[in-house]
Amino acid sequence: MDYSAPSLADFLARFLDALGSGWQRMSIVGHSLGGAVALAFAEHYPQRIERLVLVDSAGLGPEINNTVLNLIQTEPTPEHIRAELAYFFANVNLVQQALVDQVCQQRMLPGAREALLATTEAAFGGGRQRIDLREMLAVLRNQVLVVWGTADGVIPVAHAQEATRARQSRLEVFTDCGHCPHIERSDAFNQLVISFLGGT
């Protein structure tokens, strides 16, 4: 099976089609690899996109933390999961046991590990990001909100500057925040995204 970002974008299109006519045009919020999928979706289905929100997105530069990739590919033990998640947050106290247990359970589901490894290889094989959507961002006609955490330990915050390639872009950077501002700064993040999607 093809786990590349364009293939995942095509899967998303088919899924939305299955939901019915009310899902033919929408705004998409994509985090990390989901950001690359959102951009790939906008590239292949531009008529279906209203606005895009990219959160610490992949696809905007080659660099990515190799230690995180190695941890993702190791056996999903609680110790390995905890070590991996520590790179996702500036406040490591957010890596609570309930979160570790939840991720462990998800990765132990039938086929989950195989899918994760295939997705990781397709997107980040060789320890670098394989998909580069910066040129696509430059020709995007939609309004784009790019959100990043200054302390992102997975994808460098420097990639956030690629937001200026988009014609109608807005960049918001959260200080003392890691790879998951939607979790670490949930209140401010939700307010920002709701305002953006509402056109204010």
N, C-alpha and C. Protein backbone atom coordinates (compact mmCIF):
# COMPACT_ATOMS: atom_id res chain seq x y z
N MET A 1 0.85 -1.20 0.00
CA MET A 1 0.00 0.00 0.00
C MET A 1 0.87 1.24 0.00
N ASP A 2 0.42 2.27 -0.69
CA ASP A 2 1.15 3.53 -0.79
C ASP A 2 0.77 4.44 0.38
N TYR A 3 1.76 4.76 1.22
CA TYR A 3 1.52 5.61 2.38
C TYR A 3 2.08 7.01 2.20
N SER A 4 2.37 7.41 0.98
CA SER A 4 2.90 8.75 0.73
C SER A 4 1.82 9.80 0.98
N ALA A 5 2.25 11.06 1.17
CA ALA A 5 1.29 12.13 1.43
C ALA A 5 0.28 12.30 0.31
N PRO A 6 0.67 12.25 -0.98
CA PRO A 6 -0.35 12.35 -2.05
C PRO A 6 -1.35 11.21 -2.00
N SER A 7 -0.89 10.00 -1.69
CA SER A 7 -1.80 8.87 -1.59
C SER A 7 -2.76 9.04 -0.42
N LEU A 8 -2.24 9.53 0.71
CA LEU A 8 -3.11 9.77 1.86
C LEU A 8 -4.12 10.87 1.56
N ALA A 9 -3.72 11.87 0.76
CA ALA A 9 -4.65 12.93 0.35
C ALA A 9 -5.75 12.36 -0.53
N ASP A 10 -5.40 11.44 -1.41
CA ASP A 10 -6.42 10.79 -2.25
C ASP A 10 -7.39 9.97 -1.40
N PHE A 11 -6.84 9.28 -0.39
CA PHE A 11 -7.70 8.52 0.53
C PHE A 11 -8.67 9.46 1.24
N LEU A 12 -8.15 10.63 1.68
CA LEU A 12 -9.00 11.60 2.36
C LEU A 12 -10.13 12.06 1.43
N ALA A 13 -9.82 12.28 0.18
CA ALA A 13 -10.86 12.70 -0.78
C ALA A 13 -11.95 11.64 -0.91
N ARG A 14 -11.54 10.38 -1.00
CA ARG A 14 -12.53 9.30 -1.12
C ARG A 14 -13.36 9.17 0.16
N PHE A 15 -12.71 9.38 1.31
CA PHE A 15 -13.43 9.32 2.58
C PHE A 15 -14.48 10.43 2.66
N LEU A 16 -14.10 11.64 2.25
CA LEU A 16 -15.04 12.76 2.27
C LEU A 16 -16.18 12.53 1.29
N ASP A 17 -15.88 11.93 0.15
CA ASP A 17 -16.93 11.59 -0.81
C ASP A 17 -17.95 10.64 -0.18
N ALA A 18 -17.43 9.69 0.59
CA ALA A 18 -18.30 8.71 1.22
C ALA A 18 -19.20 9.34 2.27
N LEU A 19 -18.76 10.48 2.83
CA LEU A 19 -19.57 11.17 3.84
C LEU A 19 -20.77 11.89 3.22
N GLY A 20 -20.68 12.19 1.93
CA GLY A 20 -21.84 12.79 1.26
C GLY A 20 -21.56 14.15 0.68
N SER A 21 -22.60 14.74 0.11
CA SER A 21 -22.47 15.99 -0.64
C SER A 21 -22.08 17.18 0.23
N GLY A 22 -22.34 17.10 1.52
CA GLY A 22 -22.00 18.19 2.42
C GLY A 22 -20.51 18.32 2.71
N TRP A 23 -19.72 17.40 2.16
CA TRP A 23 -18.28 17.38 2.44
C TRP A 23 -17.46 17.57 1.17
N GLN A 24 -18.02 18.27 0.20
CA GLN A 24 -17.31 18.49 -1.05
C GLN A 24 -16.35 19.68 -0.99
N ARG A 25 -16.58 20.58 -0.07
CA ARG A 25 -15.69 21.74 0.10
C ARG A 25 -15.58 22.05 1.59
N MET A 26 -14.36 22.23 2.06
CA MET A 26 -14.17 22.42 3.50
C MET A 26 -12.83 23.06 3.78
N SER A 27 -12.65 23.45 5.03
CA SER A 27 -11.35 23.88 5.54
C SER A 27 -10.71 22.68 6.23
N ILE A 28 -9.38 22.63 6.19
CA ILE A 28 -8.66 21.51 6.77
C ILE A 28 -7.60 22.02 7.74
N VAL A 29 -7.53 21.39 8.90
CA VAL A 29 -6.48 21.64 9.87
C VAL A 29 -5.58 20.41 9.88
N GLY A 30 -4.29 20.59 9.58
CA GLY A 30 -3.37 19.46 9.54
C GLY A 30 -2.18 19.68 10.44
N HIS A 31 -1.89 18.68 11.29
CA HIS A 31 -0.75 18.75 12.21
C HIS A 31 0.34 17.79 11.78
N SER A 32 1.59 18.27 11.78
CA SER A 32 2.77 17.45 11.49
C SER A 32 2.63 16.81 10.10
N LEU A 33 2.66 15.50 10.00
CA LEU A 33 2.47 14.86 8.70
C LEU A 33 1.10 15.21 8.13
N GLY A 34 0.12 15.43 9.00
CA GLY A 34 -1.20 15.84 8.55
C GLY A 34 -1.19 17.16 7.81
N GLY A 35 -0.22 18.03 8.14
CA GLY A 35 -0.08 19.28 7.42
C GLY A 35 0.35 19.03 5.98
N ALA A 36 1.29 18.10 5.79
CA ALA A 36 1.72 17.74 4.44
C ALA A 36 0.58 17.11 3.66
N VAL A 37 -0.22 16.29 4.32
CA VAL A 37 -1.38 15.68 3.66
C VAL A 37 -2.39 16.76 3.26
N ALA A 38 -2.59 17.74 4.14
CA ALA A 38 -3.51 18.84 3.84
C ALA A 38 -3.03 19.63 2.62
N LEU A 39 -1.72 19.90 2.56
CA LEU A 39 -1.18 20.62 1.41
C LEU A 39 -1.28 19.80 0.13
N ALA A 40 -1.01 18.49 0.24
CA ALA A 40 -1.14 17.62 -0.93
C ALA A 40 -2.59 17.57 -1.40
N PHE A 41 -3.52 17.57 -0.45
CA PHE A 41 -4.94 17.58 -0.79
C PHE A 41 -5.28 18.87 -1.54
N ALA A 42 -4.77 20.00 -1.04
CA ALA A 42 -5.04 21.28 -1.69
C ALA A 42 -4.43 21.34 -3.08
N GLU A 43 -3.30 20.66 -3.27
CA GLU A 43 -2.66 20.63 -4.58
C GLU A 43 -3.48 19.83 -5.59
N HIS A 44 -4.02 18.71 -5.16
CA HIS A 44 -4.75 17.81 -6.07
C HIS A 44 -6.24 18.13 -6.17
N TYR A 45 -6.79 18.77 -5.13
CA TYR A 45 -8.23 19.08 -5.11
C TYR A 45 -8.45 20.54 -4.71
N PRO A 46 -7.88 21.49 -5.44
CA PRO A 46 -7.95 22.90 -5.03
C PRO A 46 -9.37 23.42 -4.93
N GLN A 47 -10.28 22.88 -5.73
CA GLN A 47 -11.66 23.36 -5.72
C GLN A 47 -12.40 22.94 -4.45
N ARG A 48 -11.82 22.04 -3.67
CA ARG A 48 -12.50 21.53 -2.48
C ARG A 48 -12.03 22.22 -1.20
N ILE A 49 -11.06 23.12 -1.30
CA ILE A 49 -10.46 23.73 -0.12
C ILE A 49 -10.94 25.17 0.06
N GLU A 50 -11.33 25.49 1.28
CA GLU A 50 -11.65 26.87 1.63
C GLU A 50 -10.42 27.52 2.29
N ARG A 51 -10.07 27.06 3.48
CA ARG A 51 -8.90 27.58 4.19
C ARG A 51 -8.08 26.42 4.75
N LEU A 52 -6.80 26.70 4.98
CA LEU A 52 -5.90 25.69 5.52
C LEU A 52 -5.26 26.19 6.81
N VAL A 53 -5.15 25.29 7.77
CA VAL A 53 -4.38 25.56 8.99
C VAL A 53 -3.30 24.49 9.07
N LEU A 54 -2.05 24.92 9.07
CA LEU A 54 -0.91 24.01 9.13
C LEU A 54 -0.24 24.17 10.49
N VAL A 55 -0.16 23.09 11.23
CA VAL A 55 0.35 23.13 12.61
C VAL A 55 1.64 22.33 12.68
N ASP A 56 2.78 23.04 12.89
CA ASP A 56 4.09 22.37 12.95
C ASP A 56 4.18 21.33 11.83
N SER A 57 3.97 21.82 10.62
CA SER A 57 3.71 20.94 9.47
C SER A 57 4.97 20.33 8.88
N ALA A 58 4.84 19.10 8.43
CA ALA A 58 5.85 18.48 7.58
C ALA A 58 5.70 19.04 6.17
N GLY A 59 6.72 18.81 5.33
CA GLY A 59 6.64 19.20 3.94
C GLY A 59 7.17 20.59 3.63
N LEU A 60 7.74 21.28 4.64
CA LEU A 60 8.21 22.65 4.42
C LEU A 60 9.72 22.78 4.58
N GLY A 61 10.41 21.68 4.51
CA GLY A 61 11.86 21.67 4.63
C GLY A 61 12.35 20.25 4.86
N PRO A 62 13.63 19.98 4.65
CA PRO A 62 14.12 18.60 4.74
C PRO A 62 14.41 18.11 6.15
N GLU A 63 14.66 19.01 7.07
CA GLU A 63 15.12 18.58 8.40
C GLU A 63 14.00 17.98 9.25
N ILE A 64 14.37 16.98 10.02
CA ILE A 64 13.48 16.39 11.02
C ILE A 64 14.36 15.67 12.04
N ASN A 65 13.90 15.57 13.27
CA ASN A 65 14.70 14.99 14.35
C ASN A 65 14.85 13.48 14.15
N ASN A 66 16.08 13.05 13.89
CA ASN A 66 16.33 11.63 13.65
C ASN A 66 16.10 10.78 14.89
N THR A 67 16.37 11.33 16.05
CA THR A 67 16.14 10.57 17.29
C THR A 67 14.67 10.20 17.43
N VAL A 68 13.80 11.14 17.10
CA VAL A 68 12.36 10.88 17.16
C VAL A 68 11.99 9.79 16.15
N LEU A 69 12.53 9.87 14.95
CA LEU A 69 12.24 8.84 13.94
C LEU A 69 12.68 7.47 14.42
N ASN A 70 13.87 7.40 15.03
CA ASN A 70 14.37 6.12 15.53
C ASN A 70 13.47 5.58 16.64
N LEU A 71 13.00 6.46 17.52
CA LEU A 71 12.12 6.02 18.60
C LEU A 71 10.77 5.53 18.06
N ILE A 72 10.26 6.21 17.03
CA ILE A 72 9.00 5.79 16.41
C ILE A 72 9.12 4.37 15.86
N GLN A 73 10.30 4.03 15.38
CA GLN A 73 10.50 2.74 14.74
C GLN A 73 10.90 1.62 15.70
N THR A 74 11.13 1.96 16.96
CA THR A 74 11.49 0.93 17.93
C THR A 74 10.25 0.20 18.42
N GLU A 75 10.48 -0.88 19.17
CA GLU A 75 9.38 -1.63 19.76
C GLU A 75 8.55 -0.70 20.65
N PRO A 76 7.22 -0.72 20.52
CA PRO A 76 6.38 0.24 21.27
C PRO A 76 6.21 -0.12 22.75
N THR A 77 7.30 -0.03 23.49
CA THR A 77 7.24 -0.23 24.94
C THR A 77 6.90 1.09 25.61
N PRO A 78 6.37 1.06 26.83
CA PRO A 78 6.09 2.32 27.54
C PRO A 78 7.31 3.22 27.65
N GLU A 79 8.49 2.63 27.85
CA GLU A 79 9.70 3.42 27.98
C GLU A 79 10.04 4.15 26.68
N HIS A 80 9.92 3.44 25.56
CA HIS A 80 10.22 4.05 24.27
C HIS A 80 9.19 5.12 23.92
N ILE A 81 7.93 4.83 24.20
CA ILE A 81 6.87 5.81 23.91
C ILE A 81 7.07 7.08 24.74
N ARG A 82 7.39 6.93 26.01
CA ARG A 82 7.60 8.09 26.88
C ARG A 82 8.78 8.92 26.37
N ALA A 83 9.87 8.26 25.97
CA ALA A 83 11.03 8.97 25.46
C ALA A 83 10.70 9.71 24.17
N GLU A 84 9.90 9.09 23.31
CA GLU A 84 9.48 9.73 22.06
C GLU A 84 8.62 10.96 22.33
N LEU A 85 7.62 10.80 23.18
CA LEU A 85 6.70 11.90 23.44
C LEU A 85 7.36 13.09 24.12
N ALA A 86 8.46 12.84 24.81
CA ALA A 86 9.17 13.94 25.48
C ALA A 86 9.66 14.98 24.48
N TYR A 87 9.87 14.58 23.23
CA TYR A 87 10.30 15.52 22.19
C TYR A 87 9.14 16.36 21.65
N PHE A 88 7.92 15.99 21.98
CA PHE A 88 6.75 16.66 21.41
C PHE A 88 6.27 17.85 22.24
N PHE A 89 6.77 17.98 23.46
CA PHE A 89 6.27 19.02 24.35
C PHE A 89 7.41 19.79 25.01
N ALA A 90 7.23 21.11 25.11
CA ALA A 90 8.18 21.91 25.88
C ALA A 90 8.03 21.59 27.36
N ASN A 91 6.79 21.38 27.78
CA ASN A 91 6.50 21.01 29.17
C ASN A 91 6.37 19.50 29.25
N VAL A 92 7.46 18.84 29.67
CA VAL A 92 7.47 17.37 29.67
C VAL A 92 6.49 16.78 30.68
N ASN A 93 5.97 17.62 31.59
CA ASN A 93 4.96 17.13 32.53
C ASN A 93 3.67 16.74 31.83
N LEU A 94 3.52 17.16 30.58
CA LEU A 94 2.34 16.78 29.81
C LEU A 94 2.41 15.33 29.34
N VAL A 95 3.59 14.74 29.40
CA VAL A 95 3.73 13.34 29.02
C VAL A 95 3.33 12.49 30.23
N GLN A 96 2.04 12.39 30.43
CA GLN A 96 1.51 11.67 31.58
C GLN A 96 1.29 10.20 31.22
N GLN A 97 1.16 9.39 32.26
CA GLN A 97 1.05 7.95 32.05
C GLN A 97 -0.16 7.58 31.20
N ALA A 98 -1.26 8.31 31.36
CA ALA A 98 -2.46 8.02 30.57
C ALA A 98 -2.19 8.20 29.07
N LEU A 99 -1.41 9.22 28.72
CA LEU A 99 -1.07 9.47 27.32
C LEU A 99 -0.15 8.36 26.81
N VAL A 100 0.83 7.99 27.60
CA VAL A 100 1.75 6.91 27.22
C VAL A 100 0.96 5.62 26.99
N ASP A 101 0.05 5.31 27.91
CA ASP A 101 -0.76 4.09 27.78
C ASP A 101 -1.62 4.13 26.52
N GLN A 102 -2.20 5.30 26.24
CA GLN A 102 -3.07 5.43 25.06
C GLN A 102 -2.29 5.19 23.77
N VAL A 103 -1.10 5.78 23.66
CA VAL A 103 -0.29 5.60 22.46
C VAL A 103 0.16 4.15 22.33
N CYS A 104 0.55 3.54 23.46
CA CYS A 104 0.94 2.12 23.44
C CYS A 104 -0.20 1.24 22.94
N GLN A 105 -1.40 1.49 23.42
CA GLN A 105 -2.56 0.70 23.00
C GLN A 105 -2.83 0.87 21.51
N GLN A 106 -2.71 2.11 21.02
CA GLN A 106 -2.94 2.38 19.60
C GLN A 106 -1.94 1.62 18.73
N ARG A 107 -0.70 1.60 19.16
CA ARG A 107 0.35 0.98 18.35
C ARG A 107 0.36 -0.54 18.43
N MET A 108 -0.39 -1.08 19.38
CA MET A 108 -0.48 -2.53 19.49
C MET A 108 -1.68 -3.09 18.74
N LEU A 109 -2.50 -2.21 18.16
CA LEU A 109 -3.64 -2.67 17.38
C LEU A 109 -3.16 -3.44 16.15
N PRO A 110 -3.95 -4.40 15.68
CA PRO A 110 -3.55 -5.17 14.50
C PRO A 110 -3.23 -4.28 13.30
N GLY A 111 -2.04 -4.44 12.75
CA GLY A 111 -1.63 -3.69 11.57
C GLY A 111 -1.10 -2.30 11.85
N ALA A 112 -1.24 -1.82 13.09
CA ALA A 112 -0.86 -0.44 13.40
C ALA A 112 0.63 -0.21 13.24
N ARG A 113 1.43 -1.13 13.76
CA ARG A 113 2.89 -0.96 13.68
C ARG A 113 3.36 -0.98 12.22
N GLU A 114 2.83 -1.90 11.44
CA GLU A 114 3.22 -1.98 10.04
C GLU A 114 2.86 -0.69 9.29
N ALA A 115 1.68 -0.17 9.56
CA ALA A 115 1.24 1.07 8.91
C ALA A 115 2.11 2.25 9.34
N LEU A 116 2.45 2.29 10.63
CA LEU A 116 3.29 3.39 11.14
C LEU A 116 4.68 3.35 10.51
N LEU A 117 5.26 2.17 10.43
CA LEU A 117 6.60 2.05 9.84
C LEU A 117 6.58 2.40 8.36
N ALA A 118 5.54 1.96 7.64
CA ALA A 118 5.43 2.27 6.21
C ALA A 118 5.23 3.77 5.99
N THR A 119 4.43 4.39 6.83
CA THR A 119 4.18 5.83 6.72
C THR A 119 5.45 6.61 7.02
N THR A 120 6.16 6.21 8.07
CA THR A 120 7.40 6.88 8.44
C THR A 120 8.44 6.77 7.32
N GLU A 121 8.54 5.59 6.73
CA GLU A 121 9.50 5.40 5.63
C GLU A 121 9.12 6.23 4.42
N ALA A 122 7.83 6.27 4.09
CA ALA A 122 7.39 7.03 2.92
C ALA A 122 7.63 8.53 3.09
N ALA A 123 7.43 9.04 4.30
CA ALA A 123 7.53 10.49 4.53
C ALA A 123 8.93 10.92 4.94
N PHE A 124 9.63 10.06 5.71
CA PHE A 124 10.88 10.49 6.33
C PHE A 124 12.01 9.47 6.17
N GLY A 125 11.95 8.67 5.12
CA GLY A 125 12.99 7.68 4.89
C GLY A 125 14.36 8.33 4.71
N GLY A 126 15.38 7.70 5.27
CA GLY A 126 16.72 8.26 5.18
C GLY A 126 16.98 9.37 6.17
N GLY A 127 16.05 9.57 7.09
CA GLY A 127 16.25 10.57 8.14
C GLY A 127 15.99 12.00 7.70
N ARG A 128 15.34 12.17 6.54
CA ARG A 128 14.99 13.51 6.06
C ARG A 128 13.57 13.48 5.50
N GLN A 129 12.96 14.65 5.44
CA GLN A 129 11.62 14.71 4.89
C GLN A 129 11.70 14.49 3.37
N ARG A 130 10.93 13.53 2.91
CA ARG A 130 10.96 13.18 1.49
C ARG A 130 10.03 14.02 0.64
N ILE A 131 9.06 14.66 1.27
CA ILE A 131 8.10 15.45 0.50
C ILE A 131 8.37 16.93 0.72
N ASP A 132 8.45 17.67 -0.37
CA ASP A 132 8.71 19.11 -0.32
C ASP A 132 7.56 19.83 -1.01
N LEU A 133 6.76 20.51 -0.22
CA LEU A 133 5.56 21.18 -0.74
C LEU A 133 5.70 22.70 -0.70
N ARG A 134 6.93 23.20 -0.59
CA ARG A 134 7.12 24.64 -0.50
C ARG A 134 6.70 25.37 -1.78
N GLU A 135 6.99 24.78 -2.92
CA GLU A 135 6.59 25.43 -4.18
C GLU A 135 5.07 25.42 -4.33
N MET A 136 4.45 24.35 -3.85
CA MET A 136 2.99 24.28 -3.90
C MET A 136 2.38 25.37 -3.01
N LEU A 137 2.99 25.58 -1.84
CA LEU A 137 2.51 26.61 -0.93
C LEU A 137 2.58 27.99 -1.60
N ALA A 138 3.60 28.18 -2.42
CA ALA A 138 3.80 29.48 -3.07
C ALA A 138 2.71 29.81 -4.08
N VAL A 139 2.07 28.81 -4.66
CA VAL A 139 1.03 29.07 -5.66
C VAL A 139 -0.38 28.88 -5.09
N LEU A 140 -0.46 28.56 -3.83
CA LEU A 140 -1.76 28.34 -3.20
C LEU A 140 -2.55 29.65 -3.13
N ARG A 141 -3.78 29.61 -3.54
CA ARG A 141 -4.62 30.81 -3.55
C ARG A 141 -5.48 30.94 -2.29
N ASN A 142 -5.51 29.90 -1.49
CA ASN A 142 -6.34 29.92 -0.29
C ASN A 142 -5.65 30.67 0.84
N GLN A 143 -6.45 31.09 1.81
CA GLN A 143 -5.89 31.66 3.02
C GLN A 143 -5.30 30.55 3.87
N VAL A 144 -4.10 30.80 4.40
CA VAL A 144 -3.38 29.79 5.16
C VAL A 144 -2.94 30.37 6.49
N LEU A 145 -3.24 29.64 7.56
CA LEU A 145 -2.73 29.96 8.89
C LEU A 145 -1.68 28.92 9.24
N VAL A 146 -0.48 29.37 9.53
CA VAL A 146 0.60 28.48 9.94
C VAL A 146 0.88 28.74 11.42
N VAL A 147 0.83 27.67 12.21
CA VAL A 147 1.04 27.77 13.66
C VAL A 147 2.24 26.89 14.01
N TRP A 148 3.11 27.40 14.88
CA TRP A 148 4.29 26.61 15.26
C TRP A 148 4.65 26.89 16.72
N GLY A 149 5.32 25.95 17.34
CA GLY A 149 5.88 26.14 18.67
C GLY A 149 7.37 26.42 18.57
N THR A 150 7.85 27.41 19.30
CA THR A 150 9.26 27.78 19.20
C THR A 150 10.18 26.67 19.69
N ALA A 151 9.67 25.82 20.59
CA ALA A 151 10.48 24.75 21.16
C ALA A 151 10.17 23.40 20.53
N ASP A 152 9.72 23.41 19.26
CA ASP A 152 9.42 22.16 18.56
C ASP A 152 10.68 21.31 18.48
N GLY A 153 10.64 20.14 19.09
CA GLY A 153 11.77 19.23 19.08
C GLY A 153 11.71 18.20 17.99
N VAL A 154 10.73 18.30 17.09
CA VAL A 154 10.55 17.33 16.01
C VAL A 154 10.90 17.96 14.66
N ILE A 155 10.22 19.06 14.33
CA ILE A 155 10.44 19.78 13.08
C ILE A 155 10.86 21.21 13.43
N PRO A 156 11.96 21.71 12.89
CA PRO A 156 12.47 23.03 13.30
C PRO A 156 11.47 24.16 13.07
N VAL A 157 11.42 25.08 14.03
CA VAL A 157 10.53 26.23 13.92
C VAL A 157 10.92 27.10 12.73
N ALA A 158 12.16 27.01 12.26
CA ALA A 158 12.59 27.78 11.09
C ALA A 158 11.73 27.47 9.86
N HIS A 159 11.17 26.28 9.80
CA HIS A 159 10.31 25.92 8.68
C HIS A 159 9.05 26.77 8.64
N ALA A 160 8.67 27.34 9.77
CA ALA A 160 7.47 28.16 9.81
C ALA A 160 7.58 29.37 8.89
N GLN A 161 8.80 29.83 8.66
CA GLN A 161 8.99 31.00 7.81
C GLN A 161 8.57 30.74 6.36
N GLU A 162 8.44 29.48 6.00
CA GLU A 162 7.98 29.15 4.65
C GLU A 162 6.54 29.63 4.43
N ALA A 163 5.85 29.95 5.52
CA ALA A 163 4.47 30.46 5.40
C ALA A 163 4.41 31.71 4.54
N THR A 164 5.50 32.48 4.52
CA THR A 164 5.49 33.72 3.75
C THR A 164 5.43 33.46 2.24
N ARG A 165 5.64 32.21 1.82
CA ARG A 165 5.51 31.88 0.40
C ARG A 165 4.06 31.97 -0.06
N ALA A 166 3.13 31.70 0.83
CA ALA A 166 1.71 31.72 0.46
C ALA A 166 1.25 33.16 0.28
N ARG A 167 0.40 33.38 -0.70
CA ARG A 167 -0.06 34.74 -1.01
C ARG A 167 -0.89 35.32 0.12
N GLN A 168 -1.71 34.48 0.72
CA GLN A 168 -2.58 34.93 1.81
C GLN A 168 -2.25 34.12 3.06
N SER A 169 -1.13 34.46 3.66
CA SER A 169 -0.67 33.66 4.79
C SER A 169 -0.66 34.47 6.09
N ARG A 170 -0.77 33.75 7.16
CA ARG A 170 -0.66 34.33 8.49
C ARG A 170 0.16 33.35 9.33
N LEU A 171 1.15 33.85 10.03
CA LEU A 171 2.00 33.01 10.86
C LEU A 171 1.84 33.38 12.31
N GLU A 172 1.60 32.37 13.15
CA GLU A 172 1.51 32.56 14.59
C GLU A 172 2.47 31.57 15.26
N VAL A 173 3.38 32.09 16.06
CA VAL A 173 4.36 31.26 16.75
C VAL A 173 4.14 31.36 18.25
N PHE A 174 4.00 30.21 18.90
CA PHE A 174 3.79 30.15 20.34
C PHE A 174 5.14 29.95 21.03
N THR A 175 5.47 30.86 21.93
CA THR A 175 6.72 30.73 22.67
C THR A 175 6.61 29.64 23.73
N ASP A 176 7.75 29.04 24.05
CA ASP A 176 7.82 27.98 25.06
C ASP A 176 6.78 26.89 24.80
N CYS A 177 6.67 26.50 23.56
CA CYS A 177 5.69 25.49 23.15
C CYS A 177 6.37 24.54 22.19
N GLY A 178 6.01 23.25 22.27
CA GLY A 178 6.64 22.24 21.45
C GLY A 178 5.90 21.95 20.15
N HIS A 179 5.92 20.68 19.76
CA HIS A 179 5.40 20.24 18.47
C HIS A 179 3.87 20.18 18.44
N CYS A 180 3.23 20.30 19.58
CA CYS A 180 1.77 20.14 19.66
C CYS A 180 1.10 21.33 20.32
N PRO A 181 1.10 22.51 19.70
CA PRO A 181 0.45 23.67 20.32
C PRO A 181 -1.04 23.48 20.54
N HIS A 182 -1.69 22.60 19.75
CA HIS A 182 -3.11 22.34 19.94
C HIS A 182 -3.37 21.62 21.26
N ILE A 183 -2.33 21.04 21.84
CA ILE A 183 -2.45 20.40 23.16
C ILE A 183 -1.83 21.30 24.23
N GLU A 184 -0.62 21.76 23.96
CA GLU A 184 0.14 22.49 24.97
C GLU A 184 -0.42 23.88 25.22
N ARG A 185 -0.99 24.50 24.20
CA ARG A 185 -1.62 25.82 24.33
C ARG A 185 -3.03 25.76 23.77
N SER A 186 -3.79 24.79 24.23
CA SER A 186 -5.07 24.47 23.61
C SER A 186 -6.05 25.64 23.59
N ASP A 187 -6.16 26.37 24.68
CA ASP A 187 -7.13 27.48 24.72
C ASP A 187 -6.79 28.55 23.69
N ALA A 188 -5.55 29.00 23.69
CA ALA A 188 -5.12 30.04 22.74
C ALA A 188 -5.17 29.52 21.30
N PHE A 189 -4.79 28.27 21.12
CA PHE A 189 -4.81 27.68 19.79
C PHE A 189 -6.24 27.60 19.26
N ASN A 190 -7.14 27.09 20.06
CA ASN A 190 -8.54 26.96 19.62
C ASN A 190 -9.14 28.31 19.28
N GLN A 191 -8.87 29.32 20.10
CA GLN A 191 -9.40 30.66 19.84
C GLN A 191 -8.85 31.20 18.52
N LEU A 192 -7.56 31.00 18.29
CA LEU A 192 -6.91 31.48 17.07
C LEU A 192 -7.51 30.80 15.84
N VAL A 193 -7.65 29.48 15.88
CA VAL A 193 -8.13 28.74 14.71
C VAL A 193 -9.61 29.04 14.44
N ILE A 194 -10.41 29.11 15.47
CA ILE A 194 -11.84 29.42 15.29
C ILE A 194 -12.00 30.81 14.67
N SER A 195 -11.21 31.76 15.14
CA SER A 195 -11.26 33.11 14.58
C SER A 195 -10.84 33.10 13.11
N PHE A 196 -9.78 32.38 12.78
CA PHE A 196 -9.29 32.31 11.40
C PHE A 196 -10.31 31.65 10.49
N LEU A 197 -10.84 30.54 10.91
CA LEU A 197 -11.81 29.82 10.08
C LEU A 197 -13.11 30.59 9.92
N GLY A 198 -13.42 31.43 10.92
CA GLY A 198 -14.61 32.25 10.84
C GLY A 198 -14.43 33.51 10.02
N GLY A 199 -13.20 33.76 9.59
CA GLY A 199 -12.94 34.90 8.72
C GLY A 199 -12.74 36.21 9.43
N THR A 200 -12.38 36.12 10.75
CA THR A 200 -12.18 37.37 11.49
C THR A 200 -10.72 37.56 11.82
